[in-house]
Amino acid sequence: MKEINIPCVVHVYDDRDQLTADVKDLMESAVSARDSAYAPYSDFKVGAALLLDNGEVITGSNQENASYPSGLCAERTVVYYAGAKYPDAKFLKMCITAASSKSATFDPIPPCGACRQAIVEYEIKQESPIEIYFMGASGKVMKSHSLANLLPLVFDKSVL
């Protein structure tokens, strides 16, 4: 047997004020998107904002449904919309924020597994990383230089 160590490197900022101006603005867009989330079942609202290489900023929020599997996360909402509307644009940076009305969300909340898989598809397609910033309602912000860093054993077309 052989053991392989796969590191995941993230940078941690104490709060949004430590972010560069462009990322801070992008995170503010994510916070605004979070406020428009439709989450009557979980009371867990998520917002995402995506910066494209053409300068466009796309935002999205989670949209729940009484038939739970029919809902969609904020990250996939924004990624699929951007992919459909701007199929040739590269995704540069994504900011994600989540807040619960049931408990405090001060720790950074990363994208779920399904969203990681959806985002990494675009990293592979564009052959360049997408910076991912994520936080709770407030407090610390984590940054990953790419989605593949958060999902190191990627399932992609090479295995099909």
N, C-alpha and C. Protein backbone atom coordinates (compact mmCIF):
# COMPACT_ATOMS: atom_id res chain seq x y z
N MET A 1 0.84 -1.18 0.00
CA MET A 1 0.00 0.00 0.00
C MET A 1 0.88 1.24 0.00
N LYS A 2 0.39 2.26 -0.65
CA LYS A 2 1.08 3.54 -0.73
C LYS A 2 0.12 4.62 -0.25
N GLU A 3 0.61 5.55 0.52
CA GLU A 3 -0.21 6.66 0.98
C GLU A 3 0.17 7.90 0.19
N ILE A 4 -0.87 8.64 -0.26
CA ILE A 4 -0.65 9.87 -1.00
C ILE A 4 -1.28 11.01 -0.19
N ASN A 5 -0.52 12.06 0.01
CA ASN A 5 -1.01 13.24 0.71
C ASN A 5 -1.38 14.30 -0.33
N ILE A 6 -2.64 14.70 -0.35
CA ILE A 6 -3.10 15.70 -1.31
C ILE A 6 -3.44 16.97 -0.52
N PRO A 7 -2.58 17.98 -0.61
CA PRO A 7 -2.84 19.19 0.18
C PRO A 7 -3.93 20.07 -0.44
N CYS A 8 -4.58 20.80 0.42
CA CYS A 8 -5.56 21.82 0.03
C CYS A 8 -5.11 23.10 0.70
N VAL A 9 -4.76 24.08 -0.08
CA VAL A 9 -4.24 25.34 0.46
C VAL A 9 -5.31 26.42 0.32
N VAL A 10 -5.64 27.07 1.43
CA VAL A 10 -6.56 28.20 1.41
C VAL A 10 -5.94 29.36 2.17
N HIS A 11 -6.28 30.56 1.77
CA HIS A 11 -5.86 31.76 2.49
C HIS A 11 -7.05 32.23 3.31
N VAL A 12 -6.80 32.68 4.52
CA VAL A 12 -7.87 33.11 5.41
C VAL A 12 -7.70 34.59 5.73
N TYR A 13 -8.74 35.36 5.44
CA TYR A 13 -8.78 36.78 5.75
C TYR A 13 -9.66 36.96 6.98
N ASP A 14 -9.30 37.88 7.87
CA ASP A 14 -10.07 38.09 9.09
C ASP A 14 -11.49 38.57 8.82
N ASP A 15 -11.64 39.36 7.74
CA ASP A 15 -12.96 39.86 7.36
C ASP A 15 -12.89 40.43 5.95
N ARG A 16 -14.01 40.93 5.45
CA ARG A 16 -14.07 41.47 4.09
C ARG A 16 -13.18 42.67 3.87
N ASP A 17 -12.89 43.41 4.94
CA ASP A 17 -12.07 44.61 4.80
C ASP A 17 -10.65 44.30 4.34
N GLN A 18 -10.20 43.07 4.52
CA GLN A 18 -8.85 42.69 4.10
C GLN A 18 -8.78 42.29 2.62
N LEU A 19 -9.93 42.18 1.97
CA LEU A 19 -9.96 41.80 0.56
C LEU A 19 -9.57 42.98 -0.32
N THR A 20 -9.09 42.69 -1.52
CA THR A 20 -8.82 43.76 -2.48
C THR A 20 -10.16 44.40 -2.85
N ALA A 21 -10.11 45.61 -3.36
CA ALA A 21 -11.34 46.36 -3.66
C ALA A 21 -12.24 45.61 -4.63
N ASP A 22 -11.67 44.99 -5.67
CA ASP A 22 -12.50 44.29 -6.65
C ASP A 22 -13.18 43.06 -6.05
N VAL A 23 -12.47 42.34 -5.19
CA VAL A 23 -13.07 41.16 -4.56
C VAL A 23 -14.09 41.58 -3.51
N LYS A 24 -13.80 42.66 -2.80
CA LYS A 24 -14.75 43.17 -1.82
C LYS A 24 -16.07 43.55 -2.50
N ASP A 25 -15.97 44.22 -3.65
CA ASP A 25 -17.18 44.58 -4.42
C ASP A 25 -17.92 43.33 -4.88
N LEU A 26 -17.18 42.32 -5.33
CA LEU A 26 -17.79 41.07 -5.78
C LEU A 26 -18.49 40.38 -4.62
N MET A 27 -17.87 40.39 -3.44
CA MET A 27 -18.50 39.78 -2.26
C MET A 27 -19.76 40.56 -1.88
N GLU A 28 -19.74 41.87 -2.01
CA GLU A 28 -20.95 42.67 -1.73
C GLU A 28 -22.08 42.28 -2.69
N SER A 29 -21.74 41.99 -3.94
CA SER A 29 -22.74 41.51 -4.90
C SER A 29 -23.30 40.17 -4.46
N ALA A 30 -22.45 39.31 -3.91
CA ALA A 30 -22.91 38.01 -3.42
C ALA A 30 -23.84 38.19 -2.21
N VAL A 31 -23.50 39.13 -1.34
CA VAL A 31 -24.36 39.40 -0.17
C VAL A 31 -25.72 39.90 -0.64
N SER A 32 -25.75 40.78 -1.62
CA SER A 32 -27.04 41.26 -2.16
C SER A 32 -27.84 40.12 -2.77
N ALA A 33 -27.15 39.23 -3.47
CA ALA A 33 -27.83 38.07 -4.06
C ALA A 33 -28.38 37.17 -2.96
N ARG A 34 -27.61 36.99 -1.90
CA ARG A 34 -28.05 36.16 -0.77
C ARG A 34 -29.36 36.68 -0.20
N ASP A 35 -29.49 37.99 -0.14
CA ASP A 35 -30.71 38.58 0.42
C ASP A 35 -31.95 38.26 -0.41
N SER A 36 -31.77 37.89 -1.69
CA SER A 36 -32.91 37.57 -2.54
C SER A 36 -33.15 36.07 -2.66
N ALA A 37 -32.43 35.27 -1.87
CA ALA A 37 -32.60 33.81 -1.93
C ALA A 37 -34.03 33.43 -1.53
N TYR A 38 -34.48 32.33 -2.11
CA TYR A 38 -35.78 31.76 -1.76
C TYR A 38 -35.49 30.49 -0.97
N ALA A 39 -35.58 30.59 0.37
CA ALA A 39 -35.21 29.47 1.23
C ALA A 39 -36.21 29.28 2.37
N PRO A 40 -37.51 29.07 2.04
CA PRO A 40 -38.51 28.97 3.09
C PRO A 40 -38.45 27.67 3.90
N TYR A 41 -37.73 26.68 3.43
CA TYR A 41 -37.69 25.37 4.11
C TYR A 41 -36.47 25.25 5.02
N SER A 42 -35.33 25.67 4.56
CA SER A 42 -34.10 25.55 5.35
C SER A 42 -33.76 26.82 6.12
N ASP A 43 -34.28 27.96 5.69
CA ASP A 43 -33.89 29.25 6.23
C ASP A 43 -32.38 29.46 6.13
N PHE A 44 -31.77 28.86 5.11
CA PHE A 44 -30.33 28.94 4.86
C PHE A 44 -30.17 29.60 3.50
N LYS A 45 -29.82 30.87 3.52
CA LYS A 45 -29.73 31.65 2.28
C LYS A 45 -28.29 31.76 1.81
N VAL A 46 -28.10 31.54 0.52
CA VAL A 46 -26.77 31.58 -0.09
C VAL A 46 -26.81 32.51 -1.30
N GLY A 47 -25.77 33.31 -1.43
CA GLY A 47 -25.62 34.17 -2.59
C GLY A 47 -24.27 33.93 -3.22
N ALA A 48 -24.20 34.06 -4.53
CA ALA A 48 -22.95 33.89 -5.25
C ALA A 48 -22.83 34.99 -6.31
N ALA A 49 -21.61 35.43 -6.53
CA ALA A 49 -21.32 36.41 -7.57
C ALA A 49 -20.11 35.93 -8.34
N LEU A 50 -20.18 36.02 -9.65
CA LEU A 50 -19.14 35.50 -10.53
C LEU A 50 -18.66 36.61 -11.46
N LEU A 51 -17.35 36.84 -11.48
CA LEU A 51 -16.75 37.82 -12.37
C LEU A 51 -16.23 37.10 -13.62
N LEU A 52 -16.67 37.58 -14.79
CA LEU A 52 -16.25 37.01 -16.07
C LEU A 52 -15.14 37.86 -16.68
N ASP A 53 -14.40 37.28 -17.60
CA ASP A 53 -13.29 38.01 -18.23
C ASP A 53 -13.78 39.13 -19.14
N ASN A 54 -15.07 39.17 -19.45
CA ASN A 54 -15.61 40.28 -20.25
C ASN A 54 -16.10 41.43 -19.37
N GLY A 55 -15.84 41.33 -18.06
CA GLY A 55 -16.23 42.38 -17.12
C GLY A 55 -17.61 42.21 -16.51
N GLU A 56 -18.39 41.28 -17.03
CA GLU A 56 -19.74 41.05 -16.49
C GLU A 56 -19.65 40.41 -15.10
N VAL A 57 -20.57 40.80 -14.23
CA VAL A 57 -20.73 40.17 -12.92
C VAL A 57 -22.10 39.53 -12.92
N ILE A 58 -22.13 38.23 -12.72
CA ILE A 58 -23.38 37.46 -12.68
C ILE A 58 -23.64 37.08 -11.22
N THR A 59 -24.86 37.26 -10.78
CA THR A 59 -25.19 36.88 -9.40
C THR A 59 -26.31 35.85 -9.40
N GLY A 60 -26.39 35.11 -8.32
CA GLY A 60 -27.44 34.12 -8.16
C GLY A 60 -27.62 33.77 -6.70
N SER A 61 -28.75 33.19 -6.39
CA SER A 61 -29.05 32.77 -5.02
C SER A 61 -29.69 31.40 -5.05
N ASN A 62 -29.67 30.75 -3.89
CA ASN A 62 -30.30 29.43 -3.84
C ASN A 62 -31.82 29.57 -3.97
N GLN A 63 -32.41 28.60 -4.63
CA GLN A 63 -33.85 28.59 -4.89
C GLN A 63 -34.39 27.23 -4.46
N GLU A 64 -35.09 27.21 -3.33
CA GLU A 64 -35.61 25.95 -2.80
C GLU A 64 -36.97 25.61 -3.41
N ASN A 65 -37.38 24.37 -3.19
CA ASN A 65 -38.63 23.87 -3.72
C ASN A 65 -39.19 22.87 -2.71
N ALA A 66 -40.51 22.80 -2.59
CA ALA A 66 -41.13 21.84 -1.67
C ALA A 66 -40.70 20.41 -2.01
N SER A 67 -40.42 20.16 -3.26
CA SER A 67 -39.82 18.89 -3.68
C SER A 67 -38.32 19.12 -3.62
N TYR A 68 -37.74 18.85 -2.44
CA TYR A 68 -36.37 19.28 -2.13
C TYR A 68 -35.34 19.07 -3.23
N PRO A 69 -35.28 17.94 -3.88
CA PRO A 69 -34.23 17.78 -4.91
C PRO A 69 -34.39 18.72 -6.10
N SER A 70 -35.55 19.36 -6.23
CA SER A 70 -35.78 20.25 -7.36
C SER A 70 -35.19 21.64 -7.16
N GLY A 71 -34.75 21.95 -5.96
CA GLY A 71 -34.14 23.25 -5.70
C GLY A 71 -32.75 23.32 -6.31
N LEU A 72 -32.17 24.50 -6.29
CA LEU A 72 -30.84 24.67 -6.88
C LEU A 72 -30.02 25.62 -6.01
N CYS A 73 -28.76 25.25 -5.81
CA CYS A 73 -27.82 26.07 -5.04
C CYS A 73 -27.47 27.36 -5.78
N ALA A 74 -27.04 28.36 -5.04
CA ALA A 74 -26.65 29.65 -5.62
C ALA A 74 -25.50 29.50 -6.60
N GLU A 75 -24.51 28.68 -6.24
CA GLU A 75 -23.34 28.53 -7.08
C GLU A 75 -23.68 27.94 -8.44
N ARG A 76 -24.52 26.93 -8.46
CA ARG A 76 -24.92 26.33 -9.74
C ARG A 76 -25.85 27.26 -10.51
N THR A 77 -26.69 28.01 -9.80
CA THR A 77 -27.54 28.98 -10.48
C THR A 77 -26.69 29.97 -11.27
N VAL A 78 -25.66 30.51 -10.63
CA VAL A 78 -24.83 31.53 -11.27
C VAL A 78 -23.93 30.92 -12.36
N VAL A 79 -23.39 29.76 -12.11
CA VAL A 79 -22.49 29.12 -13.09
C VAL A 79 -23.25 28.72 -14.35
N TYR A 80 -24.40 28.11 -14.19
CA TYR A 80 -25.16 27.67 -15.37
C TYR A 80 -25.72 28.85 -16.16
N TYR A 81 -26.13 29.90 -15.46
CA TYR A 81 -26.62 31.09 -16.17
C TYR A 81 -25.48 31.73 -16.96
N ALA A 82 -24.33 31.89 -16.31
CA ALA A 82 -23.18 32.49 -17.00
C ALA A 82 -22.75 31.64 -18.19
N GLY A 83 -22.75 30.32 -18.01
CA GLY A 83 -22.37 29.43 -19.11
C GLY A 83 -23.34 29.50 -20.28
N ALA A 84 -24.62 29.69 -19.98
CA ALA A 84 -25.63 29.78 -21.04
C ALA A 84 -25.62 31.14 -21.73
N LYS A 85 -25.47 32.21 -20.96
CA LYS A 85 -25.54 33.57 -21.52
C LYS A 85 -24.22 34.00 -22.17
N TYR A 86 -23.10 33.58 -21.59
CA TYR A 86 -21.77 33.97 -22.09
C TYR A 86 -20.92 32.72 -22.29
N PRO A 87 -21.23 31.90 -23.27
CA PRO A 87 -20.56 30.61 -23.42
C PRO A 87 -19.06 30.70 -23.71
N ASP A 88 -18.59 31.82 -24.22
CA ASP A 88 -17.17 31.96 -24.54
C ASP A 88 -16.38 32.71 -23.47
N ALA A 89 -17.05 33.22 -22.47
CA ALA A 89 -16.36 33.98 -21.42
C ALA A 89 -15.70 33.05 -20.42
N LYS A 90 -14.57 33.50 -19.89
CA LYS A 90 -13.89 32.74 -18.84
C LYS A 90 -14.38 33.25 -17.49
N PHE A 91 -14.47 32.33 -16.54
CA PHE A 91 -14.84 32.66 -15.18
C PHE A 91 -13.56 32.99 -14.42
N LEU A 92 -13.47 34.17 -13.85
CA LEU A 92 -12.25 34.59 -13.16
C LEU A 92 -12.31 34.38 -11.66
N LYS A 93 -13.36 34.92 -11.03
CA LYS A 93 -13.48 34.88 -9.57
C LYS A 93 -14.93 34.65 -9.18
N MET A 94 -15.11 33.89 -8.10
CA MET A 94 -16.45 33.68 -7.56
C MET A 94 -16.43 33.96 -6.07
N CYS A 95 -17.43 34.69 -5.59
CA CYS A 95 -17.61 34.93 -4.17
C CYS A 95 -18.92 34.29 -3.73
N ILE A 96 -18.87 33.67 -2.56
CA ILE A 96 -20.03 32.94 -2.03
C ILE A 96 -20.21 33.33 -0.57
N THR A 97 -21.45 33.57 -0.16
CA THR A 97 -21.75 33.87 1.23
C THR A 97 -23.05 33.15 1.62
N ALA A 98 -23.07 32.65 2.85
CA ALA A 98 -24.24 31.92 3.34
C ALA A 98 -24.63 32.41 4.73
N ALA A 99 -25.92 32.47 4.98
CA ALA A 99 -26.43 32.91 6.27
C ALA A 99 -27.66 32.09 6.64
N SER A 100 -27.76 31.76 7.90
CA SER A 100 -28.90 31.00 8.41
C SER A 100 -29.67 31.86 9.40
N SER A 101 -30.98 31.78 9.35
CA SER A 101 -31.77 32.50 10.36
C SER A 101 -31.96 31.64 11.60
N LYS A 102 -31.47 30.39 11.56
CA LYS A 102 -31.60 29.48 12.69
C LYS A 102 -30.37 29.47 13.60
N SER A 103 -29.20 29.79 13.04
CA SER A 103 -27.97 29.79 13.83
C SER A 103 -26.97 30.75 13.19
N ALA A 104 -26.00 31.16 13.98
CA ALA A 104 -24.97 32.09 13.50
C ALA A 104 -24.07 31.37 12.49
N THR A 105 -23.72 32.07 11.43
CA THR A 105 -22.82 31.53 10.41
C THR A 105 -21.62 32.46 10.27
N PHE A 106 -20.69 32.35 11.22
CA PHE A 106 -19.51 33.20 11.20
C PHE A 106 -18.32 32.51 10.54
N ASP A 107 -18.35 31.19 10.46
CA ASP A 107 -17.27 30.45 9.81
C ASP A 107 -17.51 30.42 8.30
N PRO A 108 -16.44 30.46 7.51
CA PRO A 108 -16.60 30.36 6.06
C PRO A 108 -17.29 29.06 5.66
N ILE A 109 -18.24 29.16 4.74
CA ILE A 109 -19.01 28.00 4.29
C ILE A 109 -18.68 27.75 2.82
N PRO A 110 -17.98 26.65 2.54
CA PRO A 110 -17.58 26.36 1.16
C PRO A 110 -18.73 25.81 0.33
N PRO A 111 -18.55 25.76 -0.99
CA PRO A 111 -19.59 25.17 -1.84
C PRO A 111 -19.75 23.68 -1.55
N CYS A 112 -20.97 23.18 -1.71
CA CYS A 112 -21.24 21.75 -1.51
C CYS A 112 -20.55 20.94 -2.62
N GLY A 113 -20.57 19.65 -2.49
CA GLY A 113 -19.92 18.77 -3.46
C GLY A 113 -20.48 18.90 -4.87
N ALA A 114 -21.80 18.98 -4.99
CA ALA A 114 -22.41 19.10 -6.32
C ALA A 114 -21.98 20.41 -6.98
N CYS A 115 -21.91 21.48 -6.21
CA CYS A 115 -21.49 22.77 -6.76
C CYS A 115 -20.01 22.75 -7.13
N ARG A 116 -19.20 22.09 -6.31
CA ARG A 116 -17.77 21.97 -6.65
C ARG A 116 -17.61 21.27 -7.99
N GLN A 117 -18.36 20.22 -8.19
CA GLN A 117 -18.28 19.48 -9.46
C GLN A 117 -18.73 20.35 -10.63
N ALA A 118 -19.78 21.14 -10.43
CA ALA A 118 -20.27 22.01 -11.51
C ALA A 118 -19.25 23.10 -11.85
N ILE A 119 -18.65 23.69 -10.82
CA ILE A 119 -17.68 24.76 -11.05
C ILE A 119 -16.41 24.22 -11.71
N VAL A 120 -15.95 23.07 -11.25
CA VAL A 120 -14.69 22.54 -11.80
C VAL A 120 -14.84 22.18 -13.27
N GLU A 121 -16.05 21.87 -13.70
CA GLU A 121 -16.30 21.60 -15.12
C GLU A 121 -15.88 22.81 -15.97
N TYR A 122 -16.17 24.01 -15.46
CA TYR A 122 -15.81 25.22 -16.20
C TYR A 122 -14.31 25.52 -16.11
N GLU A 123 -13.68 25.19 -14.99
CA GLU A 123 -12.22 25.31 -14.92
C GLU A 123 -11.56 24.43 -15.97
N ILE A 124 -12.04 23.23 -16.09
CA ILE A 124 -11.49 22.29 -17.08
C ILE A 124 -11.76 22.81 -18.49
N LYS A 125 -12.99 23.26 -18.73
CA LYS A 125 -13.37 23.77 -20.06
C LYS A 125 -12.48 24.94 -20.47
N GLN A 126 -12.25 25.88 -19.57
CA GLN A 126 -11.50 27.09 -19.91
C GLN A 126 -10.00 26.94 -19.72
N GLU A 127 -9.58 25.82 -19.16
CA GLU A 127 -8.16 25.51 -18.95
C GLU A 127 -7.45 26.59 -18.13
N SER A 128 -8.16 27.14 -17.15
CA SER A 128 -7.56 28.09 -16.23
C SER A 128 -8.36 28.09 -14.92
N PRO A 129 -7.70 28.41 -13.81
CA PRO A 129 -8.37 28.33 -12.51
C PRO A 129 -9.39 29.44 -12.30
N ILE A 130 -10.32 29.17 -11.40
CA ILE A 130 -11.31 30.15 -10.95
C ILE A 130 -11.04 30.37 -9.46
N GLU A 131 -10.73 31.61 -9.08
CA GLU A 131 -10.54 31.91 -7.67
C GLU A 131 -11.88 31.82 -6.97
N ILE A 132 -11.89 31.17 -5.80
CA ILE A 132 -13.12 31.00 -5.03
C ILE A 132 -12.93 31.64 -3.66
N TYR A 133 -13.82 32.57 -3.31
CA TYR A 133 -13.84 33.21 -2.00
C TYR A 133 -15.15 32.81 -1.34
N PHE A 134 -15.09 32.42 -0.06
CA PHE A 134 -16.34 32.05 0.61
C PHE A 134 -16.31 32.46 2.07
N MET A 135 -17.52 32.77 2.56
CA MET A 135 -17.69 33.22 3.94
C MET A 135 -19.08 32.85 4.44
N GLY A 136 -19.28 33.03 5.74
CA GLY A 136 -20.61 32.88 6.32
C GLY A 136 -21.34 34.21 6.15
N ALA A 137 -22.17 34.55 7.13
CA ALA A 137 -22.89 35.83 7.07
C ALA A 137 -21.94 37.00 7.28
N SER A 138 -20.91 36.77 8.09
CA SER A 138 -19.88 37.78 8.35
C SER A 138 -18.66 37.05 8.89
N GLY A 139 -17.63 37.80 9.17
CA GLY A 139 -16.43 37.20 9.75
C GLY A 139 -15.39 36.82 8.71
N LYS A 140 -14.68 35.75 8.98
CA LYS A 140 -13.56 35.32 8.14
C LYS A 140 -14.00 34.98 6.71
N VAL A 141 -13.07 35.20 5.80
CA VAL A 141 -13.26 34.85 4.39
C VAL A 141 -12.12 33.92 4.00
N MET A 142 -12.45 32.82 3.33
CA MET A 142 -11.43 31.92 2.81
C MET A 142 -11.32 32.07 1.31
N LYS A 143 -10.10 31.91 0.80
CA LYS A 143 -9.86 31.98 -0.63
C LYS A 143 -9.09 30.74 -1.07
N SER A 144 -9.56 30.15 -2.15
CA SER A 144 -8.84 29.07 -2.81
C SER A 144 -8.45 29.58 -4.19
N HIS A 145 -7.23 29.32 -4.61
CA HIS A 145 -6.77 29.81 -5.92
C HIS A 145 -7.48 29.14 -7.08
N SER A 146 -8.12 27.99 -6.80
CA SER A 146 -8.88 27.30 -7.84
C SER A 146 -9.88 26.36 -7.19
N LEU A 147 -10.87 25.96 -7.97
CA LEU A 147 -11.83 25.00 -7.46
C LEU A 147 -11.18 23.63 -7.35
N ALA A 148 -10.31 23.28 -8.29
CA ALA A 148 -9.64 21.98 -8.25
C ALA A 148 -8.87 21.80 -6.94
N ASN A 149 -8.42 22.88 -6.34
CA ASN A 149 -7.76 22.82 -5.03
C ASN A 149 -8.72 22.30 -3.96
N LEU A 150 -10.01 22.63 -4.08
CA LEU A 150 -11.02 22.17 -3.12
C LEU A 150 -11.59 20.80 -3.49
N LEU A 151 -11.31 20.33 -4.69
CA LEU A 151 -11.82 19.05 -5.18
C LEU A 151 -10.67 18.36 -5.93
N PRO A 152 -9.66 17.91 -5.19
CA PRO A 152 -8.42 17.47 -5.85
C PRO A 152 -8.54 16.21 -6.71
N LEU A 153 -9.43 15.33 -6.42
CA LEU A 153 -9.59 14.12 -7.25
C LEU A 153 -10.81 14.33 -8.13
N VAL A 154 -10.61 15.12 -9.17
CA VAL A 154 -11.70 15.58 -10.03
C VAL A 154 -12.24 14.44 -10.90
N PHE A 155 -13.56 14.38 -10.97
CA PHE A 155 -14.23 13.51 -11.93
C PHE A 155 -14.47 14.35 -13.17
N ASP A 156 -13.82 13.98 -14.28
CA ASP A 156 -13.98 14.75 -15.51
C ASP A 156 -14.13 13.84 -16.72
N LYS A 157 -14.19 14.44 -17.90
CA LYS A 157 -14.43 13.68 -19.13
C LYS A 157 -13.35 12.65 -19.42
N SER A 158 -12.19 12.80 -18.82
CA SER A 158 -11.11 11.84 -19.10
C SER A 158 -11.42 10.43 -18.60
N VAL A 159 -12.37 10.32 -17.66
CA VAL A 159 -12.71 9.00 -17.12
C VAL A 159 -13.90 8.37 -17.84
N LEU A 160 -14.51 9.10 -18.75
CA LEU A 160 -15.71 8.60 -19.46
C LEU A 160 -15.33 7.75 -20.66
